[in-house]
Amino acid sequence: LITGNNYSWNKEWNYVEINPELPFH
């Protein structure tokens, strides 16, 4: 809801990457 990007997460464990410029999803 911050960036508007869409994703499909079909696994129990999922990878995320966060930069200090925007420190949250």
mmCIF file of all heavy atoms, coordinates in Angstrom:
data_MODEL
# 
_entry.id   MODEL 
# 
loop_
_atom_site.group_PDB 
_atom_site.id 
_atom_site.type_symbol 
_atom_site.label_atom_id 
_atom_site.label_alt_id 
_atom_site.label_comp_id 
_atom_site.label_asym_id 
_atom_site.label_entity_id 
_atom_site.label_seq_id 
_atom_site.pdbx_PDB_ins_code 
_atom_site.Cartn_x 
_atom_site.Cartn_y 
_atom_site.Cartn_z 
_atom_site.occupancy 
_atom_site.B_iso_or_equiv 
_atom_site.pdbx_formal_charge 
_atom_site.auth_seq_id 
_atom_site.auth_comp_id 
_atom_site.auth_asym_id 
_atom_site.auth_atom_id 
_atom_site.pdbx_PDB_model_num 
ATOM 1   N N   . LEU A 1 1  ? 0.808  -1.218  0.000  1.00 0.00 ? 1  LEU A N   1 
ATOM 2   C CA  . LEU A 1 1  ? 0.000  0.000   0.000  1.00 0.00 ? 1  LEU A CA  1 
ATOM 3   C C   . LEU A 1 1  ? 0.841  1.268   0.000  1.00 0.00 ? 1  LEU A C   1 
ATOM 4   O O   . LEU A 1 1  ? 0.316  2.357   -0.238 1.00 0.00 ? 1  LEU A O   1 
ATOM 5   C CB  . LEU A 1 1  ? -0.943 -0.002  1.204  1.00 0.00 ? 1  LEU A CB  1 
ATOM 6   C CG  . LEU A 1 1  ? -1.986 -1.129  1.204  1.00 0.00 ? 1  LEU A CG  1 
ATOM 7   C CD1 . LEU A 1 1  ? -2.804 -1.097  2.490  1.00 0.00 ? 1  LEU A CD1 1 
ATOM 8   C CD2 . LEU A 1 1  ? -2.902 -1.027  -0.011 1.00 0.00 ? 1  LEU A CD2 1 
ATOM 9   N N   . ILE A 1 2  ? 2.136  1.143   0.258  1.00 0.00 ? 2  ILE A N   1 
ATOM 10  C CA  . ILE A 1 2  ? 3.022  2.312   0.194  1.00 0.00 ? 2  ILE A CA  1 
ATOM 11  C C   . ILE A 1 2  ? 3.488  2.546   -1.236 1.00 0.00 ? 2  ILE A C   1 
ATOM 12  O O   . ILE A 1 2  ? 3.434  3.671   -1.750 1.00 0.00 ? 2  ILE A O   1 
ATOM 13  C CB  . ILE A 1 2  ? 4.246  2.129   1.117  1.00 0.00 ? 2  ILE A CB  1 
ATOM 14  C CG1 . ILE A 1 2  ? 3.800  1.861   2.557  1.00 0.00 ? 2  ILE A CG1 1 
ATOM 15  C CG2 . ILE A 1 2  ? 5.156  3.353   1.046  1.00 0.00 ? 2  ILE A CG2 1 
ATOM 16  C CD1 . ILE A 1 2  ? 3.100  3.006   3.233  1.00 0.00 ? 2  ILE A CD1 1 
ATOM 17  N N   . THR A 1 3  ? 3.935  1.486   -1.910 1.00 0.00 ? 3  THR A N   1 
ATOM 18  C CA  . THR A 1 3  ? 4.505  1.633   -3.256 1.00 0.00 ? 3  THR A CA  1 
ATOM 19  C C   . THR A 1 3  ? 3.533  1.298   -4.372 1.00 0.00 ? 3  THR A C   1 
ATOM 20  O O   . THR A 1 3  ? 3.752  1.689   -5.519 1.00 0.00 ? 3  THR A O   1 
ATOM 21  C CB  . THR A 1 3  ? 5.735  0.720   -3.400 1.00 0.00 ? 3  THR A CB  1 
ATOM 22  O OG1 . THR A 1 3  ? 5.317  -0.654  -3.316 1.00 0.00 ? 3  THR A OG1 1 
ATOM 23  C CG2 . THR A 1 3  ? 6.752  1.001   -2.301 1.00 0.00 ? 3  THR A CG2 1 
ATOM 24  N N   . GLY A 1 4  ? 2.490  0.542   -4.054 1.00 0.00 ? 4  GLY A N   1 
ATOM 25  C CA  . GLY A 1 4  ? 1.544  0.099   -5.083 1.00 0.00 ? 4  GLY A CA  1 
ATOM 26  C C   . GLY A 1 4  ? 1.946  -1.175  -5.798 1.00 0.00 ? 4  GLY A C   1 
ATOM 27  O O   . GLY A 1 4  ? 1.219  -1.652  -6.674 1.00 0.00 ? 4  GLY A O   1 
ATOM 28  N N   . ASN A 1 5  ? 3.083  -1.764  -5.465 1.00 0.00 ? 5  ASN A N   1 
ATOM 29  C CA  . ASN A 1 5  ? 3.541  -2.997  -6.116 1.00 0.00 ? 5  ASN A CA  1 
ATOM 30  C C   . ASN A 1 5  ? 2.701  -4.192  -5.679 1.00 0.00 ? 5  ASN A C   1 
ATOM 31  O O   . ASN A 1 5  ? 2.287  -4.299  -4.528 1.00 0.00 ? 5  ASN A O   1 
ATOM 32  C CB  . ASN A 1 5  ? 5.011  -3.267  -5.795 1.00 0.00 ? 5  ASN A CB  1 
ATOM 33  C CG  . ASN A 1 5  ? 5.924  -2.209  -6.388 1.00 0.00 ? 5  ASN A CG  1 
ATOM 34  O OD1 . ASN A 1 5  ? 5.614  -1.614  -7.423 1.00 0.00 ? 5  ASN A OD1 1 
ATOM 35  N ND2 . ASN A 1 5  ? 7.049  -1.956  -5.732 1.00 0.00 ? 5  ASN A ND2 1 
ATOM 36  N N   . ASN A 1 6  ? 2.477  -5.130  -6.629 1.00 0.00 ? 6  ASN A N   1 
ATOM 37  C CA  . ASN A 1 6  ? 1.716  -6.350  -6.365 1.00 0.00 ? 6  ASN A CA  1 
ATOM 38  C C   . ASN A 1 6  ? 2.635  -7.556  -6.366 1.00 0.00 ? 6  ASN A C   1 
ATOM 39  O O   . ASN A 1 6  ? 3.593  -7.624  -7.145 1.00 0.00 ? 6  ASN A O   1 
ATOM 40  C CB  . ASN A 1 6  ? 0.630  -6.546  -7.431 1.00 0.00 ? 6  ASN A CB  1 
ATOM 41  C CG  . ASN A 1 6  ? -0.530 -5.593  -7.252 1.00 0.00 ? 6  ASN A CG  1 
ATOM 42  O OD1 . ASN A 1 6  ? -1.453 -5.871  -6.501 1.00 0.00 ? 6  ASN A OD1 1 
ATOM 43  N ND2 . ASN A 1 6  ? -0.484 -4.459  -7.949 1.00 0.00 ? 6  ASN A ND2 1 
ATOM 44  N N   . TYR A 1 7  ? 2.308  -8.541  -5.512 1.00 0.00 ? 7  TYR A N   1 
ATOM 45  C CA  . TYR A 1 7  ? 3.105  -9.761  -5.427 1.00 0.00 ? 7  TYR A CA  1 
ATOM 46  C C   . TYR A 1 7  ? 2.178  -10.957 -5.236 1.00 0.00 ? 7  TYR A C   1 
ATOM 47  O O   . TYR A 1 7  ? 1.054  -10.825 -4.744 1.00 0.00 ? 7  TYR A O   1 
ATOM 48  C CB  . TYR A 1 7  ? 4.083  -9.700  -4.249 1.00 0.00 ? 7  TYR A CB  1 
ATOM 49  C CG  . TYR A 1 7  ? 4.990  -8.501  -4.251 1.00 0.00 ? 7  TYR A CG  1 
ATOM 50  C CD1 . TYR A 1 7  ? 4.625  -7.329  -3.594 1.00 0.00 ? 7  TYR A CD1 1 
ATOM 51  C CD2 . TYR A 1 7  ? 6.221  -8.523  -4.911 1.00 0.00 ? 7  TYR A CD2 1 
ATOM 52  C CE1 . TYR A 1 7  ? 5.450  -6.215  -3.592 1.00 0.00 ? 7  TYR A CE1 1 
ATOM 53  C CE2 . TYR A 1 7  ? 7.061  -7.420  -4.912 1.00 0.00 ? 7  TYR A CE2 1 
ATOM 54  C CZ  . TYR A 1 7  ? 6.665  -6.263  -4.246 1.00 0.00 ? 7  TYR A CZ  1 
ATOM 55  O OH  . TYR A 1 7  ? 7.487  -5.167  -4.253 1.00 0.00 ? 7  TYR A OH  1 
ATOM 56  N N   . SER A 1 8  ? 2.680  -12.118 -5.623 1.00 0.00 ? 8  SER A N   1 
ATOM 57  C CA  . SER A 1 8  ? 1.989  -13.376 -5.339 1.00 0.00 ? 8  SER A CA  1 
ATOM 58  C C   . SER A 1 8  ? 2.915  -14.214 -4.470 1.00 0.00 ? 8  SER A C   1 
ATOM 59  O O   . SER A 1 8  ? 4.011  -14.584 -4.902 1.00 0.00 ? 8  SER A O   1 
ATOM 60  C CB  . SER A 1 8  ? 1.669  -14.124 -6.647 1.00 0.00 ? 8  SER A CB  1 
ATOM 61  O OG  . SER A 1 8  ? 1.052  -15.355 -6.355 1.00 0.00 ? 8  SER A OG  1 
ATOM 62  N N   . TRP A 1 9  ? 2.486  -14.470 -3.251 1.00 0.00 ? 9  TRP A N   1 
ATOM 63  C CA  . TRP A 1 9  ? 3.282  -15.277 -2.328 1.00 0.00 ? 9  TRP A CA  1 
ATOM 64  C C   . TRP A 1 9  ? 2.580  -16.615 -2.141 1.00 0.00 ? 9  TRP A C   1 
ATOM 65  O O   . TRP A 1 9  ? 1.543  -16.696 -1.487 1.00 0.00 ? 9  TRP A O   1 
ATOM 66  C CB  . TRP A 1 9  ? 3.423  -14.557 -0.972 1.00 0.00 ? 9  TRP A CB  1 
ATOM 67  C CG  . TRP A 1 9  ? 4.435  -13.449 -1.007 1.00 0.00 ? 9  TRP A CG  1 
ATOM 68  C CD1 . TRP A 1 9  ? 5.063  -12.935 -2.099 1.00 0.00 ? 9  TRP A CD1 1 
ATOM 69  C CD2 . TRP A 1 9  ? 4.934  -12.720 0.123  1.00 0.00 ? 9  TRP A CD2 1 
ATOM 70  N NE1 . TRP A 1 9  ? 5.922  -11.934 -1.738 1.00 0.00 ? 9  TRP A NE1 1 
ATOM 71  C CE2 . TRP A 1 9  ? 5.872  -11.774 -0.378 1.00 0.00 ? 9  TRP A CE2 1 
ATOM 72  C CE3 . TRP A 1 9  ? 4.697  -12.749 1.477  1.00 0.00 ? 9  TRP A CE3 1 
ATOM 73  C CZ2 . TRP A 1 9  ? 6.557  -10.880 0.452  1.00 0.00 ? 9  TRP A CZ2 1 
ATOM 74  C CZ3 . TRP A 1 9  ? 5.381  -11.870 2.310  1.00 0.00 ? 9  TRP A CZ3 1 
ATOM 75  C CH2 . TRP A 1 9  ? 6.298  -10.952 1.800  1.00 0.00 ? 9  TRP A CH2 1 
ATOM 76  N N   . ASN A 1 10 ? 3.138  -17.637 -2.744 1.00 0.00 ? 10 ASN A N   1 
ATOM 77  C CA  . ASN A 1 10 ? 2.499  -18.951 -2.680 1.00 0.00 ? 10 ASN A CA  1 
ATOM 78  C C   . ASN A 1 10 ? 3.278  -19.946 -1.842 1.00 0.00 ? 10 ASN A C   1 
ATOM 79  O O   . ASN A 1 10 ? 3.044  -21.147 -1.911 1.00 0.00 ? 10 ASN A O   1 
ATOM 80  C CB  . ASN A 1 10 ? 2.283  -19.512 -4.093 1.00 0.00 ? 10 ASN A CB  1 
ATOM 81  C CG  . ASN A 1 10 ? 3.574  -19.546 -4.895 1.00 0.00 ? 10 ASN A CG  1 
ATOM 82  O OD1 . ASN A 1 10 ? 4.662  -19.397 -4.338 1.00 0.00 ? 10 ASN A OD1 1 
ATOM 83  N ND2 . ASN A 1 10 ? 3.449  -19.735 -6.208 1.00 0.00 ? 10 ASN A ND2 1 
ATOM 84  N N   . LYS A 1 11 ? 4.212  -19.454 -1.066 1.00 0.00 ? 11 LYS A N   1 
ATOM 85  C CA  . LYS A 1 11 ? 4.989  -20.322 -0.192 1.00 0.00 ? 11 LYS A CA  1 
ATOM 86  C C   . LYS A 1 11 ? 4.844  -19.847 1.245  1.00 0.00 ? 11 LYS A C   1 
ATOM 87  O O   . LYS A 1 11 ? 4.510  -18.696 1.511  1.00 0.00 ? 11 LYS A O   1 
ATOM 88  C CB  . LYS A 1 11 ? 6.463  -20.296 -0.589 1.00 0.00 ? 11 LYS A CB  1 
ATOM 89  C CG  . LYS A 1 11 ? 6.743  -20.835 -1.987 1.00 0.00 ? 11 LYS A CG  1 
ATOM 90  C CD  . LYS A 1 11 ? 8.230  -20.728 -2.300 1.00 0.00 ? 11 LYS A CD  1 
ATOM 91  C CE  . LYS A 1 11 ? 8.523  -21.226 -3.703 1.00 0.00 ? 11 LYS A CE  1 
ATOM 92  N NZ  . LYS A 1 11 ? 9.974  -21.084 -4.040 1.00 0.00 ? 11 LYS A NZ  1 
ATOM 93  N N   . GLU A 1 12 ? 5.155  -20.746 2.157  1.00 0.00 ? 12 GLU A N   1 
ATOM 94  C CA  . GLU A 1 12 ? 5.077  -20.381 3.568  1.00 0.00 ? 12 GLU A CA  1 
ATOM 95  C C   . GLU A 1 12 ? 6.153  -19.367 3.933  1.00 0.00 ? 12 GLU A C   1 
ATOM 96  O O   . GLU A 1 12 ? 5.908  -18.428 4.677  1.00 0.00 ? 12 GLU A O   1 
ATOM 97  C CB  . GLU A 1 12 ? 5.219  -21.642 4.433  1.00 0.00 ? 12 GLU A CB  1 
ATOM 98  C CG  . GLU A 1 12 ? 5.024  -21.391 5.912  1.00 0.00 ? 12 GLU A CG  1 
ATOM 99  C CD  . GLU A 1 12 ? 5.040  -22.672 6.724  1.00 0.00 ? 12 GLU A CD  1 
ATOM 100 O OE1 . GLU A 1 12 ? 5.376  -23.740 6.161  1.00 0.00 ? 12 GLU A OE1 1 
ATOM 101 O OE2 . GLU A 1 12 ? 4.731  -22.606 7.925  1.00 0.00 ? 12 GLU A OE2 1 
ATOM 102 N N   . TRP A 1 13 ? 7.365  -19.558 3.399  1.00 0.00 ? 13 TRP A N   1 
ATOM 103 C CA  . TRP A 1 13 ? 8.477  -18.642 3.656  1.00 0.00 ? 13 TRP A CA  1 
ATOM 104 C C   . TRP A 1 13 ? 8.749  -17.821 2.405  1.00 0.00 ? 13 TRP A C   1 
ATOM 105 O O   . TRP A 1 13 ? 8.802  -18.364 1.304  1.00 0.00 ? 13 TRP A O   1 
ATOM 106 C CB  . TRP A 1 13 ? 9.732  -19.415 4.048  1.00 0.00 ? 13 TRP A CB  1 
ATOM 107 C CG  . TRP A 1 13 ? 9.649  -20.005 5.432  1.00 0.00 ? 13 TRP A CG  1 
ATOM 108 C CD1 . TRP A 1 13 ? 9.120  -21.209 5.780  1.00 0.00 ? 13 TRP A CD1 1 
ATOM 109 C CD2 . TRP A 1 13 ? 10.106 -19.395 6.649  1.00 0.00 ? 13 TRP A CD2 1 
ATOM 110 N NE1 . TRP A 1 13 ? 9.215  -21.407 7.128  1.00 0.00 ? 13 TRP A NE1 1 
ATOM 111 C CE2 . TRP A 1 13 ? 9.824  -20.305 7.698  1.00 0.00 ? 13 TRP A CE2 1 
ATOM 112 C CE3 . TRP A 1 13 ? 10.721 -18.192 6.958  1.00 0.00 ? 13 TRP A CE3 1 
ATOM 113 C CZ2 . TRP A 1 13 ? 10.137 -20.047 9.025  1.00 0.00 ? 13 TRP A CZ2 1 
ATOM 114 C CZ3 . TRP A 1 13 ? 11.034 -17.922 8.281  1.00 0.00 ? 13 TRP A CZ3 1 
ATOM 115 C CH2 . TRP A 1 13 ? 10.747 -18.845 9.312  1.00 0.00 ? 13 TRP A CH2 1 
ATOM 116 N N   . ASN A 1 14 ? 8.917  -16.500 2.580  1.00 0.00 ? 14 ASN A N   1 
ATOM 117 C CA  . ASN A 1 14 ? 9.107  -15.598 1.448  1.00 0.00 ? 14 ASN A CA  1 
ATOM 118 C C   . ASN A 1 14 ? 10.229 -14.606 1.744  1.00 0.00 ? 14 ASN A C   1 
ATOM 119 O O   . ASN A 1 14 ? 10.435 -14.185 2.886  1.00 0.00 ? 14 ASN A O   1 
ATOM 120 C CB  . ASN A 1 14 ? 7.806  -14.840 1.160  1.00 0.00 ? 14 ASN A CB  1 
ATOM 121 C CG  . ASN A 1 14 ? 6.689  -15.777 0.736  1.00 0.00 ? 14 ASN A CG  1 
ATOM 122 O OD1 . ASN A 1 14 ? 6.523  -16.072 -0.438 1.00 0.00 ? 14 ASN A OD1 1 
ATOM 123 N ND2 . ASN A 1 14 ? 5.929  -16.262 1.709  1.00 0.00 ? 14 ASN A ND2 1 
ATOM 124 N N   . TYR A 1 15 ? 10.914 -14.244 0.672  1.00 0.00 ? 15 TYR A N   1 
ATOM 125 C CA  . TYR A 1 15 ? 12.083 -13.365 0.781  1.00 0.00 ? 15 TYR A CA  1 
ATOM 126 C C   . TYR A 1 15 ? 11.662 -11.905 0.712  1.00 0.00 ? 15 TYR A C   1 
ATOM 127 O O   . TYR A 1 15 ? 10.836 -11.505 -0.120 1.00 0.00 ? 15 TYR A O   1 
ATOM 128 C CB  . TYR A 1 15 ? 13.057 -13.667 -0.358 1.00 0.00 ? 15 TYR A CB  1 
ATOM 129 C CG  . TYR A 1 15 ? 14.249 -12.735 -0.430 1.00 0.00 ? 15 TYR A CG  1 
ATOM 130 C CD1 . TYR A 1 15 ? 15.333 -12.907 0.417  1.00 0.00 ? 15 TYR A CD1 1 
ATOM 131 C CD2 . TYR A 1 15 ? 14.279 -11.676 -1.349 1.00 0.00 ? 15 TYR A CD2 1 
ATOM 132 C CE1 . TYR A 1 15 ? 16.431 -12.058 0.356  1.00 0.00 ? 15 TYR A CE1 1 
ATOM 133 C CE2 . TYR A 1 15 ? 15.362 -10.820 -1.423 1.00 0.00 ? 15 TYR A CE2 1 
ATOM 134 C CZ  . TYR A 1 15 ? 16.439 -11.015 -0.566 1.00 0.00 ? 15 TYR A CZ  1 
ATOM 135 O OH  . TYR A 1 15 ? 17.524 -10.168 -0.631 1.00 0.00 ? 15 TYR A OH  1 
ATOM 136 N N   . VAL A 1 16 ? 12.232 -11.083 1.606  1.00 0.00 ? 16 VAL A N   1 
ATOM 137 C CA  . VAL A 1 16 ? 12.007 -9.641  1.554  1.00 0.00 ? 16 VAL A CA  1 
ATOM 138 C C   . VAL A 1 16 ? 13.350 -8.926  1.667  1.00 0.00 ? 16 VAL A C   1 
ATOM 139 O O   . VAL A 1 16 ? 14.295 -9.436  2.267  1.00 0.00 ? 16 VAL A O   1 
ATOM 140 C CB  . VAL A 1 16 ? 11.066 -9.147  2.678  1.00 0.00 ? 16 VAL A CB  1 
ATOM 141 C CG1 . VAL A 1 16 ? 9.679  -9.704  2.534  1.00 0.00 ? 16 VAL A CG1 1 
ATOM 142 C CG2 . VAL A 1 16 ? 11.633 -9.465  4.052  1.00 0.00 ? 16 VAL A CG2 1 
ATOM 143 N N   . GLU A 1 17 ? 13.370 -7.759  1.073  1.00 0.00 ? 17 GLU A N   1 
ATOM 144 C CA  . GLU A 1 17 ? 14.558 -6.910  1.118  1.00 0.00 ? 17 GLU A CA  1 
ATOM 145 C C   . GLU A 1 17 ? 14.087 -5.502  1.454  1.00 0.00 ? 17 GLU A C   1 
ATOM 146 O O   . GLU A 1 17 ? 13.131 -5.002  0.861  1.00 0.00 ? 17 GLU A O   1 
ATOM 147 C CB  . GLU A 1 17 ? 15.264 -6.936  -0.234 1.00 0.00 ? 17 GLU A CB  1 
ATOM 148 C CG  . GLU A 1 17 ? 16.594 -6.205  -0.269 1.00 0.00 ? 17 GLU A CG  1 
ATOM 149 C CD  . GLU A 1 17 ? 17.292 -6.412  -1.616 1.00 0.00 ? 17 GLU A CD  1 
ATOM 150 O OE1 . GLU A 1 17 ? 17.927 -7.455  -1.795 1.00 0.00 ? 17 GLU A OE1 1 
ATOM 151 O OE2 . GLU A 1 17 ? 17.144 -5.521  -2.478 1.00 0.00 ? 17 GLU A OE2 1 
ATOM 152 N N   . ILE A 1 18 ? 14.750 -4.864  2.432  1.00 0.00 ? 18 ILE A N   1 
ATOM 153 C CA  . ILE A 1 18 ? 14.305 -3.551  2.893  1.00 0.00 ? 18 ILE A CA  1 
ATOM 154 C C   . ILE A 1 18 ? 15.498 -2.601  2.936  1.00 0.00 ? 18 ILE A C   1 
ATOM 155 O O   . ILE A 1 18 ? 16.547 -2.933  3.493  1.00 0.00 ? 18 ILE A O   1 
ATOM 156 C CB  . ILE A 1 18 ? 13.658 -3.629  4.290  1.00 0.00 ? 18 ILE A CB  1 
ATOM 157 C CG1 . ILE A 1 18 ? 12.585 -4.716  4.336  1.00 0.00 ? 18 ILE A CG1 1 
ATOM 158 C CG2 . ILE A 1 18 ? 13.051 -2.276  4.677  1.00 0.00 ? 18 ILE A CG2 1 
ATOM 159 C CD1 . ILE A 1 18 ? 11.969 -4.914  5.701  1.00 0.00 ? 18 ILE A CD1 1 
ATOM 160 N N   . ASN A 1 19 ? 15.305 -1.426  2.353  1.00 0.00 ? 19 ASN A N   1 
ATOM 161 C CA  . ASN A 1 19 ? 16.342 -0.393  2.346  1.00 0.00 ? 19 ASN A CA  1 
ATOM 162 C C   . ASN A 1 19 ? 16.009 0.671   3.383  1.00 0.00 ? 19 ASN A C   1 
ATOM 163 O O   . ASN A 1 19 ? 14.824 0.952   3.636  1.00 0.00 ? 19 ASN A O   1 
ATOM 164 C CB  . ASN A 1 19 ? 16.438 0.250   0.964  1.00 0.00 ? 19 ASN A CB  1 
ATOM 165 C CG  . ASN A 1 19 ? 16.960 -0.725  -0.066 1.00 0.00 ? 19 ASN A CG  1 
ATOM 166 O OD1 . ASN A 1 19 ? 18.062 -1.241  0.079  1.00 0.00 ? 19 ASN A OD1 1 
ATOM 167 N ND2 . ASN A 1 19 ? 16.166 -0.993  -1.104 1.00 0.00 ? 19 ASN A ND2 1 
ATOM 168 N N   . PRO A 1 20 ? 17.010 1.284   3.975  1.00 0.00 ? 20 PRO A N   1 
ATOM 169 C CA  . PRO A 1 20 ? 16.740 2.313   4.993  1.00 0.00 ? 20 PRO A CA  1 
ATOM 170 C C   . PRO A 1 20 ? 15.985 3.517   4.436  1.00 0.00 ? 20 PRO A C   1 
ATOM 171 O O   . PRO A 1 20 ? 15.350 4.247   5.198  1.00 0.00 ? 20 PRO A O   1 
ATOM 172 C CB  . PRO A 1 20 ? 18.133 2.693   5.502  1.00 0.00 ? 20 PRO A CB  1 
ATOM 173 C CG  . PRO A 1 20 ? 19.102 2.187   4.488  1.00 0.00 ? 20 PRO A CG  1 
ATOM 174 C CD  . PRO A 1 20 ? 18.460 1.003   3.839  1.00 0.00 ? 20 PRO A CD  1 
ATOM 175 N N   . GLU A 1 21 ? 16.041 3.722   3.109  1.00 0.00 ? 21 GLU A N   1 
ATOM 176 C CA  . GLU A 1 21 ? 15.295 4.848   2.523  1.00 0.00 ? 21 GLU A CA  1 
ATOM 177 C C   . GLU A 1 21 ? 13.779 4.682   2.726  1.00 0.00 ? 21 GLU A C   1 
ATOM 178 O O   . GLU A 1 21 ? 13.046 5.656   2.835  1.00 0.00 ? 21 GLU A O   1 
ATOM 179 C CB  . GLU A 1 21 ? 15.602 4.980   1.030  1.00 0.00 ? 21 GLU A CB  1 
ATOM 180 C CG  . GLU A 1 21 ? 17.004 5.469   0.731  1.00 0.00 ? 21 GLU A CG  1 
ATOM 181 C CD  . GLU A 1 21 ? 18.055 4.361   0.874  1.00 0.00 ? 21 GLU A CD  1 
ATOM 182 O OE1 . GLU A 1 21 ? 17.661 3.175   0.977  1.00 0.00 ? 21 GLU A OE1 1 
ATOM 183 O OE2 . GLU A 1 21 ? 19.262 4.684   0.905  1.00 0.00 ? 21 GLU A OE2 1 
ATOM 184 N N   . LEU A 1 22 ? 13.316 3.424   2.753  1.00 0.00 ? 22 LEU A N   1 
ATOM 185 C CA  . LEU A 1 22 ? 11.917 3.109   3.040  1.00 0.00 ? 22 LEU A CA  1 
ATOM 186 C C   . LEU A 1 22 ? 11.938 1.851   3.908  1.00 0.00 ? 22 LEU A C   1 
ATOM 187 O O   . LEU A 1 22 ? 11.896 0.735   3.396  1.00 0.00 ? 22 LEU A O   1 
ATOM 188 C CB  . LEU A 1 22 ? 11.125 2.867   1.747  1.00 0.00 ? 22 LEU A CB  1 
ATOM 189 C CG  . LEU A 1 22 ? 9.620  2.606   1.933  1.00 0.00 ? 22 LEU A CG  1 
ATOM 190 C CD1 . LEU A 1 22 ? 8.936  3.800   2.589  1.00 0.00 ? 22 LEU A CD1 1 
ATOM 191 C CD2 . LEU A 1 22 ? 8.960  2.284   0.590  1.00 0.00 ? 22 LEU A CD2 1 
ATOM 192 N N   . PRO A 1 23 ? 12.000 2.024   5.224  1.00 0.00 ? 23 PRO A N   1 
ATOM 193 C CA  . PRO A 1 23 ? 12.335 0.897   6.099  1.00 0.00 ? 23 PRO A CA  1 
ATOM 194 C C   . PRO A 1 23 ? 11.176 -0.020  6.451  1.00 0.00 ? 23 PRO A C   1 
ATOM 195 O O   . PRO A 1 23 ? 11.227 -0.720  7.462  1.00 0.00 ? 23 PRO A O   1 
ATOM 196 C CB  . PRO A 1 23 ? 12.875 1.598   7.347  1.00 0.00 ? 23 PRO A CB  1 
ATOM 197 C CG  . PRO A 1 23 ? 12.137 2.893   7.383  1.00 0.00 ? 23 PRO A CG  1 
ATOM 198 C CD  . PRO A 1 23 ? 11.949 3.301   5.950  1.00 0.00 ? 23 PRO A CD  1 
ATOM 199 N N   . PHE A 1 24 ? 10.135 -0.056  5.621  1.00 0.00 ? 24 PHE A N   1 
ATOM 200 C CA  . PHE A 1 24 ? 9.004  -0.935  5.954  1.00 0.00 ? 24 PHE A CA  1 
ATOM 201 C C   . PHE A 1 24 ? 8.203  -1.255  4.693  1.00 0.00 ? 24 PHE A C   1 
ATOM 202 O O   . PHE A 1 24 ? 8.253  -0.547  3.683  1.00 0.00 ? 24 PHE A O   1 
ATOM 203 C CB  . PHE A 1 24 ? 8.088  -0.285  6.996  1.00 0.00 ? 24 PHE A CB  1 
ATOM 204 C CG  . PHE A 1 24 ? 7.726  1.150   6.698  1.00 0.00 ? 24 PHE A CG  1 
ATOM 205 C CD1 . PHE A 1 24 ? 6.786  1.496   5.753  1.00 0.00 ? 24 PHE A CD1 1 
ATOM 206 C CD2 . PHE A 1 24 ? 8.350  2.180   7.402  1.00 0.00 ? 24 PHE A CD2 1 
ATOM 207 C CE1 . PHE A 1 24 ? 6.460  2.817   5.489  1.00 0.00 ? 24 PHE A CE1 1 
ATOM 208 C CE2 . PHE A 1 24 ? 8.037  3.512   7.160  1.00 0.00 ? 24 PHE A CE2 1 
ATOM 209 C CZ  . PHE A 1 24 ? 7.091  3.832   6.208  1.00 0.00 ? 24 PHE A CZ  1 
ATOM 210 N N   . HIS A 1 25 ? 7.462  -2.353  4.794  1.00 0.00 ? 25 HIS A N   1 
ATOM 211 C CA  . HIS A 1 25 ? 6.427  -2.714  3.823  1.00 0.00 ? 25 HIS A CA  1 
ATOM 212 C C   . HIS A 1 25 ? 5.097  -2.761  4.568  1.00 0.00 ? 25 HIS A C   1 
ATOM 213 O O   . HIS A 1 25 ? 5.024  -3.236  5.702  1.00 0.00 ? 25 HIS A O   1 
ATOM 214 C CB  . HIS A 1 25 ? 6.679  -4.089  3.210  1.00 0.00 ? 25 HIS A CB  1 
ATOM 215 C CG  . HIS A 1 25 ? 7.899  -4.181  2.346  1.00 0.00 ? 25 HIS A CG  1 
ATOM 216 N ND1 . HIS A 1 25 ? 7.996  -3.566  1.122  1.00 0.00 ? 25 HIS A ND1 1 
ATOM 217 C CD2 . HIS A 1 25 ? 9.074  -4.838  2.533  1.00 0.00 ? 25 HIS A CD2 1 
ATOM 218 C CE1 . HIS A 1 25 ? 9.184  -3.831  0.592  1.00 0.00 ? 25 HIS A CE1 1 
ATOM 219 N NE2 . HIS A 1 25 ? 9.860  -4.599  1.435  1.00 0.00 ? 25 HIS A NE2 1 
# 
